Amino acid sequence: WLRLAHLLVVGSVIVISLLSLWGMSEQSISLMLSGIMDGYEIGGFTLEPIRILSGLLILPAVMLLTQFVKRSLSTSWLKRTNLSRGARDATVTITGYTGVALAILIGLSVAGINLGSLAIIAGALSLGIGFGLQNIVNNFISGLILLFERPIRRGDWIKVGVSEGYVKDISIRSTVI
């Protein structure tokens, strides 16, 4: 993301320099830059490239912050508590999902997307999506139960149908044997 930001800034400077060298007037360049900063009016909607770019840069920054918090939780903060290993893993996993959700919401908000409109659209589509994703949501809830209650743990020998083996990893959506 930093490379992308760097590429955009350097590319913009090069494009503006080339336009100036090719004879574009300073007034035209100024008008173009004000359009980029203030946005372009398209119907009843204003497209603001700077806000969209800011939202795209905030998204990975908050996700990196989430990864740092997850790493700090798992390596130092939660080791000082009396929580079981399963509860620590569940806390780290839920922190990660919460951080990603916050990153998306903050990125959309900074980009200038009205979250009220998204809530209306999400409400209208939730019924169809609910039926379509019923199995996935069921697996997600089952994964949360496995993470919190810990009926099985990493390293346990289990048998499911014809498959058997040691539990390698337990996540929200799947358990790896």
N, C-alpha and C. Protein backbone atom coordinates (compact mmCIF):
# COMPACT_ATOMS: atom_id res chain seq x y z
N TRP A 1 0.83 -1.19 0.00
CA TRP A 1 0.00 0.00 0.00
C TRP A 1 0.87 1.25 0.00
N LEU A 2 1.99 1.18 0.71
CA LEU A 2 2.89 2.33 0.70
C LEU A 2 3.50 2.51 -0.68
N ARG A 3 3.83 1.39 -1.34
CA ARG A 3 4.34 1.49 -2.71
C ARG A 3 3.30 2.11 -3.63
N LEU A 4 2.04 1.71 -3.46
CA LEU A 4 0.98 2.28 -4.27
C LEU A 4 0.86 3.79 -4.04
N ALA A 5 0.89 4.20 -2.79
CA ALA A 5 0.80 5.64 -2.48
C ALA A 5 1.99 6.38 -3.08
N HIS A 6 3.17 5.79 -2.94
CA HIS A 6 4.38 6.40 -3.49
C HIS A 6 4.28 6.50 -5.01
N LEU A 7 3.82 5.43 -5.65
CA LEU A 7 3.65 5.41 -7.09
C LEU A 7 2.65 6.48 -7.54
N LEU A 8 1.56 6.63 -6.81
CA LEU A 8 0.56 7.64 -7.17
C LEU A 8 1.12 9.06 -7.04
N VAL A 9 1.84 9.32 -5.96
CA VAL A 9 2.39 10.67 -5.75
C VAL A 9 3.44 10.98 -6.81
N VAL A 10 4.39 10.06 -7.00
CA VAL A 10 5.45 10.30 -7.98
C VAL A 10 4.86 10.36 -9.40
N GLY A 11 3.92 9.47 -9.69
CA GLY A 11 3.28 9.49 -11.01
C GLY A 11 2.53 10.78 -11.26
N SER A 12 1.84 11.28 -10.24
CA SER A 12 1.11 12.55 -10.37
C SER A 12 2.06 13.71 -10.65
N VAL A 13 3.18 13.75 -9.94
CA VAL A 13 4.16 14.82 -10.16
C VAL A 13 4.72 14.73 -11.58
N ILE A 14 5.00 13.52 -12.03
CA ILE A 14 5.53 13.35 -13.40
C ILE A 14 4.49 13.76 -14.42
N VAL A 15 3.23 13.36 -14.25
CA VAL A 15 2.18 13.72 -15.20
C VAL A 15 1.98 15.23 -15.24
N ILE A 16 1.96 15.87 -14.09
CA ILE A 16 1.79 17.33 -14.07
C ILE A 16 2.98 18.02 -14.72
N SER A 17 4.18 17.53 -14.47
CA SER A 17 5.37 18.11 -15.10
C SER A 17 5.33 17.94 -16.61
N LEU A 18 4.94 16.74 -17.07
CA LEU A 18 4.86 16.51 -18.51
C LEU A 18 3.78 17.38 -19.15
N LEU A 19 2.63 17.52 -18.50
CA LEU A 19 1.58 18.38 -19.03
C LEU A 19 2.05 19.82 -19.13
N SER A 20 2.80 20.26 -18.15
CA SER A 20 3.34 21.63 -18.16
C SER A 20 4.35 21.78 -19.29
N LEU A 21 5.22 20.76 -19.47
CA LEU A 21 6.21 20.82 -20.54
C LEU A 21 5.56 20.79 -21.92
N TRP A 22 4.46 20.09 -22.05
CA TRP A 22 3.79 19.98 -23.34
C TRP A 22 2.89 21.16 -23.64
N GLY A 23 2.88 22.16 -22.78
CA GLY A 23 2.20 23.40 -23.09
C GLY A 23 0.85 23.60 -22.43
N MET A 24 0.48 22.78 -21.49
CA MET A 24 -0.79 22.98 -20.79
C MET A 24 -0.63 24.20 -19.89
N SER A 25 -1.61 25.08 -19.92
CA SER A 25 -1.51 26.32 -19.16
C SER A 25 -1.60 26.05 -17.66
N GLU A 26 -1.05 26.98 -16.89
CA GLU A 26 -1.10 26.84 -15.44
C GLU A 26 -2.53 26.89 -14.94
N GLN A 27 -3.38 27.65 -15.62
CA GLN A 27 -4.79 27.73 -15.24
C GLN A 27 -5.48 26.37 -15.43
N SER A 28 -5.18 25.67 -16.51
CA SER A 28 -5.77 24.35 -16.75
C SER A 28 -5.28 23.34 -15.71
N ILE A 29 -3.98 23.41 -15.40
CA ILE A 29 -3.43 22.50 -14.38
C ILE A 29 -4.06 22.81 -13.03
N SER A 30 -4.23 24.08 -12.72
CA SER A 30 -4.86 24.47 -11.46
C SER A 30 -6.30 23.99 -11.40
N LEU A 31 -7.03 24.10 -12.51
CA LEU A 31 -8.41 23.62 -12.57
C LEU A 31 -8.48 22.10 -12.38
N MET A 32 -7.54 21.39 -13.01
CA MET A 32 -7.49 19.94 -12.87
C MET A 32 -7.19 19.54 -11.42
N LEU A 33 -6.24 20.21 -10.79
CA LEU A 33 -5.90 19.91 -9.40
C LEU A 33 -7.05 20.24 -8.45
N SER A 34 -7.77 21.33 -8.72
CA SER A 34 -8.91 21.66 -7.85
C SER A 34 -10.01 20.63 -8.02
N GLY A 35 -10.18 20.09 -9.21
CA GLY A 35 -11.15 19.02 -9.43
C GLY A 35 -10.79 17.78 -8.65
N ILE A 36 -9.50 17.46 -8.61
CA ILE A 36 -9.05 16.29 -7.85
C ILE A 36 -9.25 16.51 -6.36
N MET A 37 -8.95 17.71 -5.88
CA MET A 37 -9.09 18.00 -4.46
C MET A 37 -10.54 18.14 -4.02
N ASP A 38 -11.32 18.91 -4.78
CA ASP A 38 -12.70 19.22 -4.40
C ASP A 38 -13.70 18.18 -4.90
N GLY A 39 -13.34 17.45 -5.92
CA GLY A 39 -14.21 16.42 -6.46
C GLY A 39 -14.90 16.86 -7.72
N TYR A 40 -15.52 15.90 -8.37
CA TYR A 40 -16.25 16.14 -9.60
C TYR A 40 -17.72 15.84 -9.35
N GLU A 41 -18.57 16.73 -9.80
CA GLU A 41 -20.02 16.58 -9.64
C GLU A 41 -20.53 15.71 -10.78
N ILE A 42 -21.11 14.56 -10.42
CA ILE A 42 -21.67 13.65 -11.42
C ILE A 42 -23.12 13.42 -11.00
N GLY A 43 -24.04 14.07 -11.68
CA GLY A 43 -25.45 13.99 -11.29
C GLY A 43 -25.63 14.61 -9.92
N GLY A 44 -26.16 13.86 -8.97
CA GLY A 44 -26.33 14.35 -7.60
C GLY A 44 -25.23 13.84 -6.69
N PHE A 45 -24.20 13.24 -7.27
CA PHE A 45 -23.12 12.62 -6.50
C PHE A 45 -21.82 13.35 -6.78
N THR A 46 -21.02 13.57 -5.73
CA THR A 46 -19.71 14.19 -5.89
C THR A 46 -18.64 13.13 -5.72
N LEU A 47 -17.84 12.93 -6.75
CA LEU A 47 -16.74 11.97 -6.72
C LEU A 47 -15.48 12.71 -6.28
N GLU A 48 -14.96 12.34 -5.11
CA GLU A 48 -13.80 13.02 -4.56
C GLU A 48 -12.62 12.05 -4.54
N PRO A 49 -11.71 12.16 -5.53
CA PRO A 49 -10.59 11.22 -5.61
C PRO A 49 -9.67 11.24 -4.38
N ILE A 50 -9.46 12.38 -3.78
CA ILE A 50 -8.58 12.45 -2.60
C ILE A 50 -9.19 11.68 -1.43
N ARG A 51 -10.49 11.80 -1.22
CA ARG A 51 -11.14 11.06 -0.12
C ARG A 51 -11.10 9.56 -0.38
N ILE A 52 -11.31 9.16 -1.62
CA ILE A 52 -11.26 7.74 -1.96
C ILE A 52 -9.84 7.20 -1.72
N LEU A 53 -8.84 7.95 -2.14
CA LEU A 53 -7.45 7.54 -1.92
C LEU A 53 -7.13 7.49 -0.43
N SER A 54 -7.64 8.46 0.33
CA SER A 54 -7.43 8.45 1.78
C SER A 54 -8.06 7.21 2.42
N GLY A 55 -9.27 6.87 1.99
CA GLY A 55 -9.92 5.67 2.50
C GLY A 55 -9.15 4.42 2.17
N LEU A 56 -8.60 4.36 0.95
CA LEU A 56 -7.80 3.20 0.54
C LEU A 56 -6.49 3.10 1.32
N LEU A 57 -5.97 4.22 1.77
CA LEU A 57 -4.73 4.21 2.57
C LEU A 57 -5.02 3.92 4.04
N ILE A 58 -6.17 4.36 4.54
CA ILE A 58 -6.55 4.11 5.94
C ILE A 58 -6.81 2.62 6.16
N LEU A 59 -7.44 1.97 5.18
CA LEU A 59 -7.79 0.56 5.30
C LEU A 59 -6.58 -0.31 5.67
N PRO A 60 -5.50 -0.30 4.91
CA PRO A 60 -4.36 -1.15 5.30
C PRO A 60 -3.67 -0.68 6.58
N ALA A 61 -3.73 0.63 6.86
CA ALA A 61 -3.10 1.12 8.08
C ALA A 61 -3.81 0.55 9.31
N VAL A 62 -5.14 0.55 9.29
CA VAL A 62 -5.89 0.00 10.43
C VAL A 62 -5.72 -1.52 10.49
N MET A 63 -5.62 -2.17 9.34
CA MET A 63 -5.40 -3.62 9.33
C MET A 63 -4.01 -3.97 9.89
N LEU A 64 -3.00 -3.16 9.57
CA LEU A 64 -1.68 -3.36 10.16
C LEU A 64 -1.71 -3.15 11.67
N LEU A 65 -2.45 -2.15 12.10
CA LEU A 65 -2.61 -1.91 13.53
C LEU A 65 -3.28 -3.11 14.20
N THR A 66 -4.28 -3.68 13.53
CA THR A 66 -4.96 -4.86 14.05
C THR A 66 -3.99 -6.03 14.18
N GLN A 67 -3.14 -6.23 13.17
CA GLN A 67 -2.16 -7.31 13.24
C GLN A 67 -1.19 -7.09 14.41
N PHE A 68 -0.79 -5.83 14.62
CA PHE A 68 0.10 -5.52 15.74
C PHE A 68 -0.57 -5.83 17.07
N VAL A 69 -1.85 -5.44 17.20
CA VAL A 69 -2.58 -5.71 18.45
C VAL A 69 -2.75 -7.21 18.66
N LYS A 70 -3.07 -7.95 17.59
CA LYS A 70 -3.20 -9.41 17.70
C LYS A 70 -1.89 -10.04 18.15
N ARG A 71 -0.79 -9.61 17.55
CA ARG A 71 0.52 -10.16 17.90
C ARG A 71 0.87 -9.82 19.35
N SER A 72 0.59 -8.59 19.77
CA SER A 72 0.86 -8.19 21.16
C SER A 72 -0.01 -8.97 22.13
N LEU A 73 -1.28 -9.17 21.76
CA LEU A 73 -2.17 -9.95 22.61
C LEU A 73 -1.65 -11.37 22.80
N SER A 74 -1.28 -12.02 21.71
CA SER A 74 -0.90 -13.43 21.80
C SER A 74 0.48 -13.62 22.43
N THR A 75 1.40 -12.68 22.22
CA THR A 75 2.76 -12.90 22.73
C THR A 75 3.00 -12.36 24.14
N SER A 76 2.27 -11.33 24.54
CA SER A 76 2.59 -10.78 25.86
C SER A 76 1.37 -10.55 26.75
N TRP A 77 0.38 -9.85 26.28
CA TRP A 77 -0.71 -9.44 27.15
C TRP A 77 -1.49 -10.62 27.71
N LEU A 78 -1.91 -11.53 26.86
CA LEU A 78 -2.75 -12.64 27.32
C LEU A 78 -1.97 -13.72 28.06
N LYS A 79 -0.65 -13.76 27.89
CA LYS A 79 0.14 -14.75 28.63
C LYS A 79 0.20 -14.41 30.12
N ARG A 80 -0.06 -13.16 30.45
CA ARG A 80 -0.03 -12.74 31.86
C ARG A 80 -1.35 -13.02 32.58
N THR A 81 -2.36 -13.44 31.83
CA THR A 81 -3.67 -13.71 32.43
C THR A 81 -3.79 -15.18 32.79
N ASN A 82 -4.86 -15.52 33.47
CA ASN A 82 -5.12 -16.90 33.85
C ASN A 82 -6.04 -17.61 32.86
N LEU A 83 -6.20 -17.04 31.67
CA LEU A 83 -7.06 -17.64 30.67
C LEU A 83 -6.43 -18.92 30.12
N SER A 84 -7.29 -19.87 29.75
CA SER A 84 -6.79 -21.08 29.12
C SER A 84 -6.29 -20.76 27.72
N ARG A 85 -5.54 -21.70 27.15
CA ARG A 85 -5.00 -21.49 25.82
C ARG A 85 -6.12 -21.27 24.80
N GLY A 86 -7.20 -22.02 24.93
CA GLY A 86 -8.33 -21.88 24.01
C GLY A 86 -8.97 -20.51 24.10
N ALA A 87 -9.14 -20.01 25.32
CA ALA A 87 -9.74 -18.69 25.49
C ALA A 87 -8.82 -17.61 24.93
N ARG A 88 -7.50 -17.78 25.09
CA ARG A 88 -6.55 -16.82 24.52
C ARG A 88 -6.63 -16.83 22.99
N ASP A 89 -6.67 -18.04 22.40
CA ASP A 89 -6.78 -18.14 20.95
C ASP A 89 -8.08 -17.53 20.45
N ALA A 90 -9.16 -17.78 21.16
CA ALA A 90 -10.45 -17.21 20.76
C ALA A 90 -10.43 -15.69 20.85
N THR A 91 -9.81 -15.14 21.88
CA THR A 91 -9.73 -13.70 22.04
C THR A 91 -8.92 -13.07 20.91
N VAL A 92 -7.81 -13.70 20.54
CA VAL A 92 -6.98 -13.19 19.45
C VAL A 92 -7.74 -13.26 18.13
N THR A 93 -8.46 -14.35 17.89
CA THR A 93 -9.21 -14.51 16.64
C THR A 93 -10.32 -13.47 16.54
N ILE A 94 -11.07 -13.29 17.60
CA ILE A 94 -12.17 -12.32 17.59
C ILE A 94 -11.63 -10.89 17.45
N THR A 95 -10.48 -10.61 18.06
CA THR A 95 -9.85 -9.30 17.91
C THR A 95 -9.49 -9.05 16.45
N GLY A 96 -9.00 -10.07 15.77
CA GLY A 96 -8.66 -9.93 14.36
C GLY A 96 -9.87 -9.63 13.50
N TYR A 97 -10.95 -10.38 13.70
CA TYR A 97 -12.17 -10.14 12.92
C TYR A 97 -12.77 -8.77 13.22
N THR A 98 -12.73 -8.36 14.47
CA THR A 98 -13.24 -7.04 14.84
C THR A 98 -12.40 -5.94 14.20
N GLY A 99 -11.09 -6.12 14.20
CA GLY A 99 -10.20 -5.13 13.60
C GLY A 99 -10.43 -4.99 12.10
N VAL A 100 -10.64 -6.11 11.41
CA VAL A 100 -10.89 -6.05 9.97
C VAL A 100 -12.22 -5.34 9.70
N ALA A 101 -13.25 -5.65 10.50
CA ALA A 101 -14.54 -4.99 10.32
C ALA A 101 -14.41 -3.48 10.57
N LEU A 102 -13.68 -3.10 11.62
CA LEU A 102 -13.46 -1.67 11.89
C LEU A 102 -12.68 -1.01 10.77
N ALA A 103 -11.67 -1.70 10.24
CA ALA A 103 -10.87 -1.14 9.15
C ALA A 103 -11.75 -0.86 7.93
N ILE A 104 -12.63 -1.79 7.61
CA ILE A 104 -13.52 -1.59 6.46
C ILE A 104 -14.47 -0.42 6.71
N LEU A 105 -15.06 -0.38 7.91
CA LEU A 105 -15.99 0.71 8.21
C LEU A 105 -15.30 2.07 8.22
N ILE A 106 -14.12 2.15 8.81
CA ILE A 106 -13.38 3.42 8.85
C ILE A 106 -12.95 3.82 7.45
N GLY A 107 -12.46 2.86 6.66
CA GLY A 107 -12.06 3.16 5.28
C GLY A 107 -13.21 3.68 4.45
N LEU A 108 -14.38 3.04 4.56
CA LEU A 108 -15.55 3.50 3.82
C LEU A 108 -15.99 4.89 4.28
N SER A 109 -15.93 5.12 5.58
CA SER A 109 -16.34 6.41 6.11
C SER A 109 -15.40 7.53 5.63
N VAL A 110 -14.09 7.27 5.68
CA VAL A 110 -13.12 8.27 5.23
C VAL A 110 -13.26 8.52 3.73
N ALA A 111 -13.58 7.46 2.97
CA ALA A 111 -13.74 7.60 1.53
C ALA A 111 -14.99 8.40 1.16
N GLY A 112 -15.85 8.67 2.13
CA GLY A 112 -17.02 9.50 1.89
C GLY A 112 -18.25 8.72 1.51
N ILE A 113 -18.24 7.43 1.75
CA ILE A 113 -19.41 6.61 1.44
C ILE A 113 -20.36 6.68 2.63
N ASN A 114 -21.60 7.02 2.36
CA ASN A 114 -22.60 7.17 3.41
C ASN A 114 -22.99 5.79 3.93
N LEU A 115 -22.65 5.52 5.19
CA LEU A 115 -22.93 4.20 5.76
C LEU A 115 -24.41 3.99 6.01
N GLY A 116 -25.19 5.05 6.10
CA GLY A 116 -26.64 4.92 6.24
C GLY A 116 -27.26 4.30 5.00
N SER A 117 -26.76 4.70 3.85
CA SER A 117 -27.25 4.12 2.60
C SER A 117 -26.87 2.65 2.51
N LEU A 118 -25.66 2.32 2.96
CA LEU A 118 -25.24 0.92 2.94
C LEU A 118 -26.09 0.07 3.88
N ALA A 119 -26.50 0.65 4.99
CA ALA A 119 -27.34 -0.10 5.94
C ALA A 119 -28.69 -0.43 5.31
N ILE A 120 -29.24 0.50 4.56
CA ILE A 120 -30.52 0.25 3.89
C ILE A 120 -30.37 -0.85 2.85
N ILE A 121 -29.30 -0.78 2.06
CA ILE A 121 -29.07 -1.80 1.04
C ILE A 121 -28.81 -3.16 1.69
N ALA A 122 -28.00 -3.18 2.75
CA ALA A 122 -27.72 -4.44 3.45
C ALA A 122 -28.99 -5.03 4.04
N GLY A 123 -29.86 -4.19 4.56
CA GLY A 123 -31.12 -4.69 5.11
C GLY A 123 -32.00 -5.30 4.03
N ALA A 124 -32.00 -4.69 2.85
CA ALA A 124 -32.81 -5.22 1.76
C ALA A 124 -32.26 -6.54 1.24
N LEU A 125 -30.95 -6.69 1.23
CA LEU A 125 -30.34 -7.91 0.70
C LEU A 125 -30.16 -9.01 1.75
N SER A 126 -30.35 -8.69 3.01
CA SER A 126 -30.03 -9.65 4.07
C SER A 126 -30.87 -10.92 4.02
N LEU A 127 -32.10 -10.82 3.60
CA LEU A 127 -32.96 -12.00 3.54
C LEU A 127 -32.42 -13.00 2.51
N GLY A 128 -32.15 -12.53 1.32
CA GLY A 128 -31.61 -13.41 0.29
C GLY A 128 -30.24 -13.94 0.64
N ILE A 129 -29.40 -13.07 1.17
CA ILE A 129 -28.07 -13.49 1.57
C ILE A 129 -28.15 -14.49 2.72
N GLY A 130 -29.09 -14.26 3.62
CA GLY A 130 -29.25 -15.17 4.76
C GLY A 130 -29.57 -16.59 4.33
N PHE A 131 -30.46 -16.73 3.37
CA PHE A 131 -30.77 -18.07 2.86
C PHE A 131 -29.58 -18.66 2.11
N GLY A 132 -28.90 -17.84 1.34
CA GLY A 132 -27.77 -18.32 0.55
C GLY A 132 -26.57 -18.69 1.39
N LEU A 133 -26.35 -17.98 2.48
CA LEU A 133 -25.16 -18.20 3.32
C LEU A 133 -25.49 -18.94 4.62
N GLN A 134 -26.62 -19.60 4.66
CA GLN A 134 -27.05 -20.27 5.89
C GLN A 134 -26.02 -21.29 6.37
N ASN A 135 -25.46 -22.07 5.46
CA ASN A 135 -24.48 -23.08 5.84
C ASN A 135 -23.19 -22.44 6.36
N ILE A 136 -22.77 -21.34 5.71
CA ILE A 136 -21.55 -20.65 6.14
C ILE A 136 -21.73 -20.05 7.53
N VAL A 137 -22.88 -19.42 7.77
CA VAL A 137 -23.15 -18.83 9.08
C VAL A 137 -23.21 -19.92 10.15
N ASN A 138 -23.81 -21.06 9.81
CA ASN A 138 -23.86 -22.20 10.73
C ASN A 138 -22.45 -22.66 11.09
N ASN A 139 -21.57 -22.77 10.09
CA ASN A 139 -20.17 -23.15 10.36
C ASN A 139 -19.46 -22.09 11.20
N PHE A 140 -19.75 -20.83 10.95
CA PHE A 140 -19.13 -19.73 11.70
C PHE A 140 -19.51 -19.82 13.18
N ILE A 141 -20.80 -20.02 13.46
CA ILE A 141 -21.26 -20.14 14.85
C ILE A 141 -20.66 -21.38 15.50
N SER A 142 -20.61 -22.47 14.76
CA SER A 142 -19.99 -23.70 15.30
C SER A 142 -18.52 -23.46 15.62
N GLY A 143 -17.83 -22.71 14.75
CA GLY A 143 -16.43 -22.38 15.01
C GLY A 143 -16.27 -21.55 16.26
N LEU A 144 -17.18 -20.59 16.48
CA LEU A 144 -17.12 -19.79 17.71
C LEU A 144 -17.32 -20.68 18.94
N ILE A 145 -18.25 -21.62 18.85
CA ILE A 145 -18.49 -22.53 19.98
C ILE A 145 -17.24 -23.36 20.24
N LEU A 146 -16.60 -23.87 19.18
CA LEU A 146 -15.38 -24.65 19.36
C LEU A 146 -14.26 -23.80 19.97
N LEU A 147 -14.18 -22.53 19.56
CA LEU A 147 -13.13 -21.66 20.09
C LEU A 147 -13.35 -21.33 21.56
N PHE A 148 -14.61 -21.12 21.97
CA PHE A 148 -14.87 -20.72 23.34
C PHE A 148 -14.97 -21.91 24.29
N GLU A 149 -15.74 -22.91 23.93
CA GLU A 149 -15.96 -24.03 24.85
C GLU A 149 -14.80 -25.01 24.87
N ARG A 150 -14.07 -25.09 23.78
CA ARG A 150 -12.89 -25.94 23.66
C ARG A 150 -13.17 -27.42 23.97
N PRO A 151 -14.16 -28.04 23.32
CA PRO A 151 -14.33 -29.47 23.52
C PRO A 151 -13.16 -30.25 22.90
N ILE A 152 -12.53 -29.66 21.88
CA ILE A 152 -11.29 -30.22 21.34
C ILE A 152 -10.26 -29.12 21.32
N ARG A 153 -9.00 -29.51 21.37
CA ARG A 153 -7.91 -28.54 21.40
C ARG A 153 -6.84 -28.94 20.40
N ARG A 154 -5.93 -28.03 20.12
CA ARG A 154 -4.79 -28.37 19.26
C ARG A 154 -4.02 -29.51 19.90
N GLY A 155 -3.66 -30.47 19.06
CA GLY A 155 -2.89 -31.60 19.55
C GLY A 155 -3.75 -32.80 19.94
N ASP A 156 -5.07 -32.63 20.05
CA ASP A 156 -5.96 -33.75 20.40
C ASP A 156 -6.08 -34.71 19.21
N TRP A 157 -6.20 -36.01 19.52
CA TRP A 157 -6.44 -37.02 18.50
C TRP A 157 -7.95 -37.19 18.38
N ILE A 158 -8.49 -36.96 17.17
CA ILE A 158 -9.93 -37.10 16.98
C ILE A 158 -10.21 -37.96 15.75
N LYS A 159 -11.44 -38.49 15.72
CA LYS A 159 -11.89 -39.27 14.58
C LYS A 159 -13.25 -38.72 14.15
N VAL A 160 -13.36 -38.33 12.88
CA VAL A 160 -14.60 -37.80 12.32
C VAL A 160 -14.91 -38.62 11.07
N GLY A 161 -15.91 -39.47 11.15
CA GLY A 161 -16.24 -40.35 10.03
C GLY A 161 -15.08 -41.30 9.79
N VAL A 162 -14.55 -41.28 8.57
CA VAL A 162 -13.42 -42.14 8.25
C VAL A 162 -12.08 -41.42 8.42
N SER A 163 -12.13 -40.12 8.68
CA SER A 163 -10.91 -39.34 8.88
C SER A 163 -10.54 -39.31 10.34
N GLU A 164 -9.24 -39.41 10.60
CA GLU A 164 -8.77 -39.29 11.97
C GLU A 164 -7.38 -38.69 11.95
N GLY A 165 -7.01 -38.06 13.04
CA GLY A 165 -5.69 -37.45 13.13
C GLY A 165 -5.63 -36.46 14.27
N TYR A 166 -4.49 -35.78 14.35
CA TYR A 166 -4.28 -34.76 15.38
C TYR A 166 -4.84 -33.44 14.90
N VAL A 167 -5.42 -32.68 15.81
CA VAL A 167 -5.94 -31.36 15.48
C VAL A 167 -4.75 -30.42 15.34
N LYS A 168 -4.61 -29.86 14.14
CA LYS A 168 -3.49 -28.98 13.86
C LYS A 168 -3.83 -27.52 14.16
N ASP A 169 -5.06 -27.11 13.76
CA ASP A 169 -5.46 -25.73 13.94
C ASP A 169 -6.98 -25.65 14.03
N ILE A 170 -7.48 -24.74 14.85
CA ILE A 170 -8.91 -24.50 14.97
C ILE A 170 -9.13 -23.02 14.68
N SER A 171 -9.96 -22.74 13.66
CA SER A 171 -10.30 -21.35 13.35
C SER A 171 -11.82 -21.24 13.35
N ILE A 172 -12.29 -20.04 13.04
CA ILE A 172 -13.73 -19.80 13.09
C ILE A 172 -14.47 -20.67 12.07
N ARG A 173 -13.92 -20.82 10.87
CA ARG A 173 -14.64 -21.55 9.82
C ARG A 173 -14.24 -23.00 9.67
N SER A 174 -13.08 -23.40 10.18
CA SER A 174 -12.66 -24.77 9.93
C SER A 174 -11.73 -25.27 11.02
N THR A 175 -11.61 -26.59 11.08
CA THR A 175 -10.66 -27.25 11.96
C THR A 175 -9.77 -28.12 11.08
N VAL A 176 -8.47 -27.95 11.18
CA VAL A 176 -7.52 -28.69 10.34
C VAL A 176 -7.00 -29.89 11.13
N ILE A 177 -7.15 -31.07 10.52
CA ILE A 177 -6.66 -32.30 11.15
C ILE A 177 -5.44 -32.78 10.38
